Amino acid sequence: MKVTHIIATLTLIGIIAGGSLSLVNNWAAPKIALNQKAETERAIFLVHLDGKRYEEIKNTGFEVYKVFNQADSSVGYSLVYAGNGFQGKIKIMIGLTEDLNKITSIEILEQSETPGLGTKILEAPYKNQYKELTPTPSIKLVKGVEPSNPNEVKAITGATISSRSVVAIVNEGVKRLKELQIKGALK
């Protein structure tokens, strides 16, 4: 009798807790989606400072936006690309010129890297290396020396894996975008 009572009590608590979690999730999910959309839009204009509007390019397999200036001329592309970091997923907004030969800037949208080390990917000294960077043939990571070529980025001391991950994500994203350009899918 005592065991049955305990099982019934725990079952009731489980049902109430599960139902409460479901209600909170149903309430929060639309708000989370709106906040993610707002953060993506903010990042589009951070990687293209002269951008005034954008259009999403559909059917690419990842998020790509064509960005236009005040005169409604295309200034380039913003793409969202993600990959694995040291602690988990890193999601990046990458700004590229119209010809895809220069990175205008990057913004880290999501990350869970080690505080104080890997999180330095969020800071200006590291992120600024991507401004006007040439991703051709690909971006290379250098350690212990200053970059000497237009496609090199200096690794963060103590966070080489995070640095390497950002470089790999940007390289893969740019490669996929260039493949779309070759196929004529960026119109």
N, C-alpha and C. Protein backbone atom coordinates (compact mmCIF):
# COMPACT_ATOMS: atom_id res chain seq x y z
N MET A 1 0.82 -1.20 0.00
CA MET A 1 0.00 0.00 0.00
C MET A 1 0.86 1.27 0.00
N LYS A 2 1.92 1.30 0.82
CA LYS A 2 2.79 2.45 0.90
C LYS A 2 3.52 2.68 -0.43
N VAL A 3 3.99 1.61 -1.07
CA VAL A 3 4.68 1.72 -2.36
C VAL A 3 3.72 2.25 -3.43
N THR A 4 2.50 1.80 -3.44
CA THR A 4 1.51 2.27 -4.40
C THR A 4 1.24 3.75 -4.21
N HIS A 5 1.17 4.18 -2.99
CA HIS A 5 0.94 5.59 -2.68
C HIS A 5 2.10 6.45 -3.19
N ILE A 6 3.34 5.98 -2.96
CA ILE A 6 4.53 6.72 -3.42
C ILE A 6 4.55 6.79 -4.95
N ILE A 7 4.26 5.68 -5.61
CA ILE A 7 4.24 5.65 -7.08
C ILE A 7 3.17 6.59 -7.62
N ALA A 8 1.99 6.58 -7.03
CA ALA A 8 0.90 7.46 -7.48
C ALA A 8 1.28 8.93 -7.27
N THR A 9 1.90 9.26 -6.14
CA THR A 9 2.31 10.63 -5.85
C THR A 9 3.36 11.09 -6.86
N LEU A 10 4.37 10.26 -7.09
CA LEU A 10 5.42 10.61 -8.05
C LEU A 10 4.87 10.73 -9.47
N THR A 11 3.94 9.88 -9.82
CA THR A 11 3.33 9.97 -11.15
C THR A 11 2.57 11.28 -11.30
N LEU A 12 1.82 11.66 -10.30
CA LEU A 12 1.07 12.92 -10.34
C LEU A 12 2.02 14.11 -10.43
N ILE A 13 3.10 14.10 -9.66
CA ILE A 13 4.09 15.17 -9.71
C ILE A 13 4.72 15.23 -11.11
N GLY A 14 5.03 14.08 -11.68
CA GLY A 14 5.62 14.02 -13.02
C GLY A 14 4.68 14.59 -14.07
N ILE A 15 3.40 14.26 -13.98
CA ILE A 15 2.42 14.76 -14.94
C ILE A 15 2.28 16.28 -14.82
N ILE A 16 2.22 16.79 -13.60
CA ILE A 16 2.09 18.24 -13.39
C ILE A 16 3.34 18.96 -13.88
N ALA A 17 4.52 18.43 -13.54
CA ALA A 17 5.77 19.06 -13.97
C ALA A 17 5.90 19.03 -15.48
N GLY A 18 5.61 17.90 -16.10
CA GLY A 18 5.69 17.79 -17.56
C GLY A 18 4.72 18.73 -18.25
N GLY A 19 3.50 18.80 -17.74
CA GLY A 19 2.50 19.71 -18.32
C GLY A 19 2.92 21.16 -18.17
N SER A 20 3.48 21.51 -17.02
CA SER A 20 3.95 22.88 -16.79
C SER A 20 5.08 23.23 -17.75
N LEU A 21 6.03 22.32 -17.92
CA LEU A 21 7.13 22.57 -18.85
C LEU A 21 6.61 22.74 -20.28
N SER A 22 5.64 21.95 -20.65
CA SER A 22 5.07 22.06 -21.99
C SER A 22 4.38 23.41 -22.19
N LEU A 23 3.63 23.86 -21.19
CA LEU A 23 2.96 25.15 -21.28
C LEU A 23 3.98 26.30 -21.38
N VAL A 24 5.02 26.24 -20.57
CA VAL A 24 6.05 27.29 -20.61
C VAL A 24 6.75 27.28 -21.97
N ASN A 25 7.05 26.10 -22.49
CA ASN A 25 7.69 26.00 -23.80
C ASN A 25 6.80 26.57 -24.90
N ASN A 26 5.52 26.23 -24.88
CA ASN A 26 4.58 26.75 -25.88
C ASN A 26 4.45 28.27 -25.79
N TRP A 27 4.54 28.82 -24.59
CA TRP A 27 4.47 30.27 -24.40
C TRP A 27 5.76 30.93 -24.86
N ALA A 28 6.92 30.33 -24.55
CA ALA A 28 8.21 30.96 -24.82
C ALA A 28 8.72 30.78 -26.25
N ALA A 29 8.37 29.70 -26.91
CA ALA A 29 8.92 29.40 -28.24
C ALA A 29 8.73 30.54 -29.24
N PRO A 30 7.53 31.13 -29.37
CA PRO A 30 7.39 32.23 -30.32
C PRO A 30 8.23 33.45 -29.95
N LYS A 31 8.36 33.72 -28.66
CA LYS A 31 9.17 34.86 -28.21
C LYS A 31 10.65 34.61 -28.51
N ILE A 32 11.10 33.41 -28.32
CA ILE A 32 12.49 33.05 -28.62
C ILE A 32 12.75 33.21 -30.12
N ALA A 33 11.81 32.73 -30.94
CA ALA A 33 11.97 32.85 -32.40
C ALA A 33 12.02 34.32 -32.83
N LEU A 34 11.19 35.17 -32.24
CA LEU A 34 11.20 36.60 -32.57
C LEU A 34 12.53 37.23 -32.16
N ASN A 35 13.04 36.87 -31.00
CA ASN A 35 14.32 37.42 -30.55
C ASN A 35 15.47 36.95 -31.45
N GLN A 36 15.44 35.69 -31.88
CA GLN A 36 16.47 35.19 -32.79
C GLN A 36 16.41 35.92 -34.13
N LYS A 37 15.20 36.17 -34.62
CA LYS A 37 15.05 36.89 -35.88
C LYS A 37 15.59 38.32 -35.75
N ALA A 38 15.29 38.98 -34.63
CA ALA A 38 15.77 40.34 -34.40
C ALA A 38 17.29 40.36 -34.29
N GLU A 39 17.88 39.36 -33.65
CA GLU A 39 19.34 39.29 -33.51
C GLU A 39 19.99 39.05 -34.87
N THR A 40 19.37 38.21 -35.69
CA THR A 40 19.89 37.96 -37.04
C THR A 40 19.84 39.25 -37.86
N GLU A 41 18.73 39.97 -37.81
CA GLU A 41 18.60 41.22 -38.55
C GLU A 41 19.63 42.25 -38.08
N ARG A 42 19.83 42.34 -36.79
CA ARG A 42 20.82 43.27 -36.25
C ARG A 42 22.21 42.92 -36.77
N ALA A 43 22.53 41.63 -36.78
CA ALA A 43 23.85 41.18 -37.24
C ALA A 43 24.05 41.42 -38.73
N ILE A 44 22.98 41.30 -39.53
CA ILE A 44 23.08 41.56 -40.97
C ILE A 44 23.63 42.97 -41.19
N PHE A 45 23.11 43.92 -40.45
CA PHE A 45 23.52 45.31 -40.62
C PHE A 45 24.82 45.65 -39.88
N LEU A 46 25.24 44.81 -38.94
CA LEU A 46 26.55 45.00 -38.31
C LEU A 46 27.68 44.55 -39.22
N VAL A 47 27.44 43.52 -40.03
CA VAL A 47 28.49 43.05 -40.94
C VAL A 47 28.47 43.83 -42.26
N HIS A 48 27.40 44.59 -42.50
CA HIS A 48 27.30 45.49 -43.66
C HIS A 48 26.80 46.83 -43.14
N LEU A 49 27.70 47.66 -42.69
CA LEU A 49 27.32 48.93 -42.07
C LEU A 49 26.58 49.86 -43.02
N ASP A 50 26.82 49.72 -44.33
CA ASP A 50 26.12 50.56 -45.31
C ASP A 50 24.82 49.93 -45.78
N GLY A 51 24.45 48.79 -45.24
CA GLY A 51 23.20 48.12 -45.62
C GLY A 51 21.98 48.80 -45.03
N LYS A 52 20.92 48.88 -45.82
CA LYS A 52 19.67 49.49 -45.36
C LYS A 52 18.49 48.52 -45.43
N ARG A 53 18.61 47.52 -46.30
CA ARG A 53 17.56 46.50 -46.39
C ARG A 53 18.21 45.21 -46.88
N TYR A 54 17.47 44.11 -46.76
CA TYR A 54 17.99 42.82 -47.20
C TYR A 54 16.87 41.96 -47.74
N GLU A 55 17.25 40.98 -48.52
CA GLU A 55 16.32 39.97 -49.03
C GLU A 55 16.91 38.60 -48.76
N GLU A 56 16.10 37.70 -48.23
CA GLU A 56 16.59 36.35 -48.00
C GLU A 56 16.65 35.59 -49.33
N ILE A 57 17.72 34.87 -49.52
CA ILE A 57 17.84 34.00 -50.70
C ILE A 57 17.40 32.61 -50.25
N LYS A 58 16.37 32.11 -50.86
CA LYS A 58 15.74 30.84 -50.43
C LYS A 58 16.41 29.64 -51.11
N ASN A 59 16.10 28.48 -50.58
CA ASN A 59 16.52 27.18 -51.14
C ASN A 59 18.02 27.03 -51.27
N THR A 60 18.75 27.46 -50.24
CA THR A 60 20.21 27.34 -50.27
C THR A 60 20.72 26.27 -49.31
N GLY A 61 19.90 25.86 -48.36
CA GLY A 61 20.33 24.90 -47.35
C GLY A 61 20.88 25.57 -46.10
N PHE A 62 21.04 26.88 -46.13
CA PHE A 62 21.47 27.67 -44.98
C PHE A 62 20.97 29.09 -45.19
N GLU A 63 21.09 29.93 -44.17
CA GLU A 63 20.58 31.30 -44.25
C GLU A 63 21.53 32.20 -45.01
N VAL A 64 21.03 32.81 -46.10
CA VAL A 64 21.81 33.76 -46.89
C VAL A 64 20.91 34.96 -47.19
N TYR A 65 21.47 36.15 -47.04
CA TYR A 65 20.73 37.37 -47.30
C TYR A 65 21.53 38.25 -48.25
N LYS A 66 20.84 38.81 -49.24
CA LYS A 66 21.47 39.80 -50.12
C LYS A 66 21.16 41.16 -49.49
N VAL A 67 22.21 42.00 -49.33
CA VAL A 67 22.08 43.26 -48.62
C VAL A 67 22.20 44.42 -49.60
N PHE A 68 21.34 45.42 -49.40
CA PHE A 68 21.28 46.58 -50.29
C PHE A 68 21.52 47.86 -49.50
N ASN A 69 22.11 48.86 -50.17
CA ASN A 69 22.38 50.15 -49.52
C ASN A 69 21.22 51.11 -49.72
N GLN A 70 21.42 52.38 -49.34
CA GLN A 70 20.39 53.42 -49.43
C GLN A 70 19.91 53.61 -50.87
N ALA A 71 20.83 53.50 -51.84
CA ALA A 71 20.49 53.67 -53.26
C ALA A 71 19.90 52.40 -53.86
N ASP A 72 19.65 51.39 -53.02
CA ASP A 72 19.09 50.10 -53.42
C ASP A 72 20.03 49.31 -54.35
N SER A 73 21.32 49.54 -54.20
CA SER A 73 22.32 48.75 -54.91
C SER A 73 22.84 47.67 -53.98
N SER A 74 23.12 46.52 -54.53
CA SER A 74 23.61 45.41 -53.71
C SER A 74 25.01 45.73 -53.19
N VAL A 75 25.21 45.51 -51.88
CA VAL A 75 26.53 45.72 -51.29
C VAL A 75 27.20 44.39 -50.94
N GLY A 76 26.45 43.31 -51.03
CA GLY A 76 27.04 42.00 -50.75
C GLY A 76 26.05 41.05 -50.11
N TYR A 77 26.62 40.10 -49.38
CA TYR A 77 25.83 39.04 -48.78
C TYR A 77 26.15 38.91 -47.30
N SER A 78 25.15 38.50 -46.56
CA SER A 78 25.32 38.12 -45.16
C SER A 78 24.86 36.68 -45.06
N LEU A 79 25.71 35.84 -44.50
CA LEU A 79 25.30 34.45 -44.36
C LEU A 79 25.49 33.99 -42.94
N VAL A 80 24.58 33.15 -42.49
CA VAL A 80 24.64 32.56 -41.17
C VAL A 80 25.18 31.16 -41.35
N TYR A 81 26.24 30.85 -40.62
CA TYR A 81 26.83 29.51 -40.74
C TYR A 81 27.27 29.06 -39.36
N ALA A 82 27.16 27.77 -39.10
CA ALA A 82 27.48 27.23 -37.77
C ALA A 82 28.36 26.00 -37.89
N GLY A 83 29.05 25.73 -36.82
CA GLY A 83 29.89 24.54 -36.72
C GLY A 83 30.26 24.31 -35.27
N ASN A 84 31.08 23.31 -35.04
CA ASN A 84 31.46 22.97 -33.68
C ASN A 84 32.65 23.76 -33.20
N GLY A 85 32.57 24.21 -31.96
CA GLY A 85 33.68 24.87 -31.29
C GLY A 85 34.28 23.92 -30.27
N PHE A 86 34.97 24.46 -29.28
CA PHE A 86 35.58 23.64 -28.24
C PHE A 86 34.52 23.10 -27.29
N GLN A 87 33.57 23.94 -26.89
CA GLN A 87 32.56 23.55 -25.91
C GLN A 87 31.21 23.19 -26.54
N GLY A 88 30.96 23.63 -27.75
CA GLY A 88 29.66 23.40 -28.37
C GLY A 88 29.57 24.13 -29.69
N LYS A 89 28.35 24.37 -30.13
CA LYS A 89 28.12 25.00 -31.44
C LYS A 89 28.48 26.48 -31.42
N ILE A 90 29.09 26.93 -32.53
CA ILE A 90 29.34 28.35 -32.75
C ILE A 90 28.57 28.74 -34.01
N LYS A 91 27.76 29.78 -33.90
CA LYS A 91 26.96 30.26 -35.03
C LYS A 91 27.43 31.67 -35.36
N ILE A 92 27.76 31.89 -36.64
CA ILE A 92 28.39 33.14 -37.06
C ILE A 92 27.62 33.79 -38.20
N MET A 93 27.53 35.13 -38.18
CA MET A 93 27.05 35.91 -39.31
C MET A 93 28.30 36.40 -40.02
N ILE A 94 28.40 36.09 -41.31
CA ILE A 94 29.56 36.47 -42.11
C ILE A 94 29.11 37.44 -43.19
N GLY A 95 29.74 38.60 -43.24
CA GLY A 95 29.45 39.58 -44.29
C GLY A 95 30.48 39.45 -45.40
N LEU A 96 30.00 39.43 -46.64
CA LEU A 96 30.89 39.33 -47.80
C LEU A 96 30.52 40.37 -48.84
N THR A 97 31.52 40.82 -49.58
CA THR A 97 31.27 41.74 -50.67
C THR A 97 30.51 41.03 -51.78
N GLU A 98 30.00 41.80 -52.73
CA GLU A 98 29.21 41.27 -53.84
C GLU A 98 29.96 40.18 -54.61
N ASP A 99 31.26 40.34 -54.80
CA ASP A 99 32.04 39.36 -55.57
C ASP A 99 32.56 38.20 -54.71
N LEU A 100 32.25 38.22 -53.43
CA LEU A 100 32.65 37.19 -52.46
C LEU A 100 34.16 37.11 -52.25
N ASN A 101 34.89 38.15 -52.61
CA ASN A 101 36.35 38.14 -52.49
C ASN A 101 36.87 38.84 -51.24
N LYS A 102 35.97 39.46 -50.46
CA LYS A 102 36.37 40.11 -49.21
C LYS A 102 35.30 39.86 -48.15
N ILE A 103 35.77 39.61 -46.95
CA ILE A 103 34.85 39.53 -45.81
C ILE A 103 34.75 40.95 -45.26
N THR A 104 33.54 41.44 -45.10
CA THR A 104 33.37 42.78 -44.54
C THR A 104 33.53 42.76 -43.03
N SER A 105 33.01 41.71 -42.40
CA SER A 105 33.08 41.59 -40.95
C SER A 105 32.39 40.28 -40.56
N ILE A 106 32.55 39.89 -39.29
CA ILE A 106 31.80 38.76 -38.75
C ILE A 106 31.17 39.16 -37.42
N GLU A 107 30.10 38.49 -37.06
CA GLU A 107 29.47 38.63 -35.76
C GLU A 107 29.17 37.23 -35.24
N ILE A 108 29.51 36.96 -34.01
CA ILE A 108 29.21 35.68 -33.40
C ILE A 108 27.78 35.76 -32.85
N LEU A 109 26.90 34.90 -33.36
CA LEU A 109 25.50 34.91 -32.94
C LEU A 109 25.27 34.01 -31.72
N GLU A 110 25.94 32.85 -31.69
CA GLU A 110 25.80 31.91 -30.58
C GLU A 110 27.13 31.25 -30.34
N GLN A 111 27.42 30.98 -29.07
CA GLN A 111 28.63 30.25 -28.72
C GLN A 111 28.51 29.80 -27.27
N SER A 112 29.26 28.78 -26.92
CA SER A 112 29.31 28.31 -25.52
C SER A 112 30.75 27.95 -25.18
N GLU A 113 31.67 28.80 -25.60
CA GLU A 113 33.09 28.55 -25.38
C GLU A 113 33.49 28.87 -23.94
N THR A 114 34.68 28.50 -23.57
CA THR A 114 35.19 28.69 -22.21
C THR A 114 35.28 30.18 -21.87
N PRO A 115 34.61 30.62 -20.79
CA PRO A 115 34.69 32.03 -20.41
C PRO A 115 36.14 32.46 -20.14
N GLY A 116 36.50 33.62 -20.67
CA GLY A 116 37.83 34.16 -20.47
C GLY A 116 38.87 33.68 -21.47
N LEU A 117 38.60 32.59 -22.15
CA LEU A 117 39.53 32.08 -23.17
C LEU A 117 38.82 32.04 -24.51
N GLY A 118 38.01 31.01 -24.72
CA GLY A 118 37.30 30.86 -25.99
C GLY A 118 36.34 31.98 -26.29
N THR A 119 35.82 32.61 -25.23
CA THR A 119 34.88 33.72 -25.46
C THR A 119 35.57 34.95 -26.03
N LYS A 120 36.89 34.92 -26.13
CA LYS A 120 37.61 36.03 -26.76
C LYS A 120 37.29 36.13 -28.25
N ILE A 121 36.64 35.09 -28.81
CA ILE A 121 36.20 35.18 -30.21
C ILE A 121 35.14 36.27 -30.36
N LEU A 122 34.53 36.68 -29.26
CA LEU A 122 33.51 37.73 -29.28
C LEU A 122 34.12 39.13 -29.25
N GLU A 123 35.39 39.22 -28.90
CA GLU A 123 36.01 40.52 -28.66
C GLU A 123 36.64 41.11 -29.91
N ALA A 124 36.73 42.44 -29.89
CA ALA A 124 37.21 43.19 -31.05
C ALA A 124 38.60 42.78 -31.55
N PRO A 125 39.59 42.57 -30.70
CA PRO A 125 40.90 42.25 -31.30
C PRO A 125 40.85 41.04 -32.22
N TYR A 126 40.10 40.01 -31.82
CA TYR A 126 40.01 38.82 -32.67
C TYR A 126 39.07 39.05 -33.85
N LYS A 127 37.85 39.53 -33.56
CA LYS A 127 36.86 39.72 -34.63
C LYS A 127 37.32 40.72 -35.68
N ASN A 128 38.04 41.76 -35.27
CA ASN A 128 38.48 42.79 -36.21
C ASN A 128 39.44 42.25 -37.27
N GLN A 129 40.07 41.13 -37.00
CA GLN A 129 40.97 40.53 -37.99
C GLN A 129 40.23 40.12 -39.26
N TYR A 130 38.92 39.91 -39.14
CA TYR A 130 38.13 39.46 -40.28
C TYR A 130 37.68 40.61 -41.18
N LYS A 131 37.81 41.84 -40.72
CA LYS A 131 37.40 42.99 -41.54
C LYS A 131 38.34 43.11 -42.73
N GLU A 132 37.75 43.14 -43.91
CA GLU A 132 38.50 43.26 -45.17
C GLU A 132 39.46 42.08 -45.40
N LEU A 133 39.18 40.95 -44.79
CA LEU A 133 40.00 39.76 -44.96
C LEU A 133 39.68 39.11 -46.30
N THR A 134 40.69 38.59 -46.95
CA THR A 134 40.52 37.90 -48.23
C THR A 134 40.38 36.40 -47.96
N PRO A 135 39.23 35.81 -48.26
CA PRO A 135 39.04 34.39 -47.98
C PRO A 135 39.51 33.46 -49.10
N THR A 136 40.39 33.97 -49.96
CA THR A 136 40.83 33.19 -51.12
C THR A 136 42.31 32.84 -50.97
N PRO A 137 42.73 31.62 -51.19
CA PRO A 137 41.92 30.44 -51.46
C PRO A 137 41.12 30.00 -50.23
N SER A 138 41.65 30.24 -49.01
CA SER A 138 40.92 30.03 -47.77
C SER A 138 41.64 30.81 -46.67
N ILE A 139 40.95 30.99 -45.56
CA ILE A 139 41.55 31.69 -44.44
C ILE A 139 42.48 30.72 -43.72
N LYS A 140 43.64 31.22 -43.32
CA LYS A 140 44.61 30.40 -42.61
C LYS A 140 44.81 30.97 -41.21
N LEU A 141 44.99 30.08 -40.24
CA LEU A 141 45.22 30.46 -38.86
C LEU A 141 46.72 30.40 -38.59
N VAL A 142 47.27 31.48 -38.03
CA VAL A 142 48.68 31.49 -37.66
C VAL A 142 48.78 31.62 -36.14
N LYS A 143 49.80 30.96 -35.57
CA LYS A 143 50.00 30.97 -34.12
C LYS A 143 51.35 31.58 -33.79
N GLY A 144 51.37 32.48 -32.82
CA GLY A 144 52.61 33.03 -32.30
C GLY A 144 53.29 34.08 -33.17
N VAL A 145 52.74 34.37 -34.34
CA VAL A 145 53.30 35.40 -35.22
C VAL A 145 52.15 36.27 -35.72
N GLU A 146 52.49 37.46 -36.15
CA GLU A 146 51.48 38.34 -36.72
C GLU A 146 51.14 37.87 -38.14
N PRO A 147 49.89 38.00 -38.55
CA PRO A 147 49.53 37.65 -39.93
C PRO A 147 50.32 38.47 -40.93
N SER A 148 50.80 37.81 -41.98
CA SER A 148 51.59 38.52 -42.99
C SER A 148 50.95 38.46 -44.37
N ASN A 149 49.87 37.73 -44.50
CA ASN A 149 49.15 37.61 -45.77
C ASN A 149 47.72 38.08 -45.59
N PRO A 150 47.05 38.49 -46.69
CA PRO A 150 45.68 39.03 -46.58
C PRO A 150 44.62 37.99 -46.24
N ASN A 151 45.02 36.71 -46.11
CA ASN A 151 44.06 35.66 -45.78
C ASN A 151 44.41 34.98 -44.45
N GLU A 152 45.18 35.66 -43.58
CA GLU A 152 45.60 35.06 -42.33
C GLU A 152 44.97 35.74 -41.12
N VAL A 153 44.70 34.92 -40.10
CA VAL A 153 44.13 35.36 -38.84
C VAL A 153 45.01 34.80 -37.73
N LYS A 154 45.32 35.63 -36.73
CA LYS A 154 46.13 35.19 -35.60
C LYS A 154 45.26 34.48 -34.57
N ALA A 155 45.71 33.30 -34.13
CA ALA A 155 44.98 32.52 -33.13
C ALA A 155 44.99 33.23 -31.78
N ILE A 156 43.97 32.97 -30.99
CA ILE A 156 43.90 33.49 -29.64
C ILE A 156 44.75 32.59 -28.76
N THR A 157 45.69 33.17 -28.03
CA THR A 157 46.54 32.39 -27.14
C THR A 157 45.69 31.72 -26.07
N GLY A 158 45.83 30.42 -25.93
CA GLY A 158 45.06 29.66 -24.95
C GLY A 158 43.70 29.22 -25.46
N ALA A 159 43.34 29.64 -26.64
CA ALA A 159 42.03 29.28 -27.21
C ALA A 159 42.19 28.94 -28.69
N THR A 160 43.20 28.17 -28.98
CA THR A 160 43.48 27.81 -30.38
C THR A 160 42.32 27.04 -31.00
N ILE A 161 41.69 26.16 -30.24
CA ILE A 161 40.59 25.37 -30.79
C ILE A 161 39.43 26.26 -31.17
N SER A 162 39.09 27.23 -30.33
CA SER A 162 38.00 28.17 -30.65
C SER A 162 38.36 28.98 -31.88
N SER A 163 39.61 29.47 -31.95
CA SER A 163 40.07 30.24 -33.11
C SER A 163 39.99 29.40 -34.37
N ARG A 164 40.48 28.17 -34.28
CA ARG A 164 40.48 27.25 -35.42
C ARG A 164 39.04 26.96 -35.87
N SER A 165 38.14 26.83 -34.90
CA SER A 165 36.74 26.55 -35.21
C SER A 165 36.10 27.69 -35.99
N VAL A 166 36.34 28.94 -35.55
CA VAL A 166 35.78 30.10 -36.26
C VAL A 166 36.31 30.13 -37.69
N VAL A 167 37.61 29.92 -37.87
CA VAL A 167 38.20 29.90 -39.21
C VAL A 167 37.56 28.81 -40.06
N ALA A 168 37.39 27.62 -39.49
CA ALA A 168 36.79 26.51 -40.25
C ALA A 168 35.34 26.81 -40.63
N ILE A 169 34.58 27.40 -39.72
CA ILE A 169 33.18 27.74 -40.00
C ILE A 169 33.11 28.78 -41.12
N VAL A 170 33.93 29.83 -41.01
CA VAL A 170 33.92 30.88 -42.04
C VAL A 170 34.36 30.30 -43.38
N ASN A 171 35.42 29.51 -43.40
CA ASN A 171 35.88 28.90 -44.65
C ASN A 171 34.80 28.04 -45.30
N GLU A 172 34.13 27.21 -44.50
CA GLU A 172 33.09 26.33 -45.03
C GLU A 172 31.91 27.14 -45.55
N GLY A 173 31.50 28.17 -44.80
CA GLY A 173 30.39 29.01 -45.24
C GLY A 173 30.69 29.74 -46.54
N VAL A 174 31.88 30.32 -46.64
CA VAL A 174 32.28 31.03 -47.86
C VAL A 174 32.36 30.05 -49.04
N LYS A 175 32.90 28.87 -48.79
CA LYS A 175 32.99 27.84 -49.85
C LYS A 175 31.60 27.48 -50.38
N ARG A 176 30.66 27.25 -49.47
CA ARG A 176 29.29 26.89 -49.88
C ARG A 176 28.62 28.04 -50.63
N LEU A 177 28.87 29.28 -50.19
CA LEU A 177 28.29 30.45 -50.87
C LEU A 177 28.88 30.60 -52.27
N LYS A 178 30.18 30.37 -52.42
CA LYS A 178 30.82 30.45 -53.74
C LYS A 178 30.28 29.36 -54.67
N GLU A 179 29.99 28.18 -54.13
CA GLU A 179 29.39 27.12 -54.93
C GLU A 179 28.01 27.55 -55.45
N LEU A 180 27.24 28.24 -54.60
CA LEU A 180 25.94 28.75 -55.03
C LEU A 180 26.11 29.81 -56.11
N GLN A 181 27.13 30.65 -55.97
CA GLN A 181 27.41 31.68 -56.97
C GLN A 181 27.73 31.04 -58.32
N ILE A 182 28.54 30.02 -58.32
CA ILE A 182 28.90 29.31 -59.54
C ILE A 182 27.67 28.71 -60.21
N LYS A 183 26.76 28.18 -59.39
CA LYS A 183 25.53 27.57 -59.91
C LYS A 183 24.51 28.62 -60.35
N GLY A 184 24.79 29.89 -60.06
CA GLY A 184 23.86 30.96 -60.42
C GLY A 184 22.67 31.09 -59.50
N ALA A 185 22.79 30.55 -58.27
CA ALA A 185 21.66 30.56 -57.33
C ALA A 185 21.62 31.80 -56.44
N LEU A 186 22.51 32.76 -56.64
CA LEU A 186 22.54 33.95 -55.79
C LEU A 186 21.87 35.15 -56.42
N LYS A 187 20.97 34.96 -57.31
CA LYS A 187 20.31 36.10 -57.97
C LYS A 187 19.12 36.56 -57.21
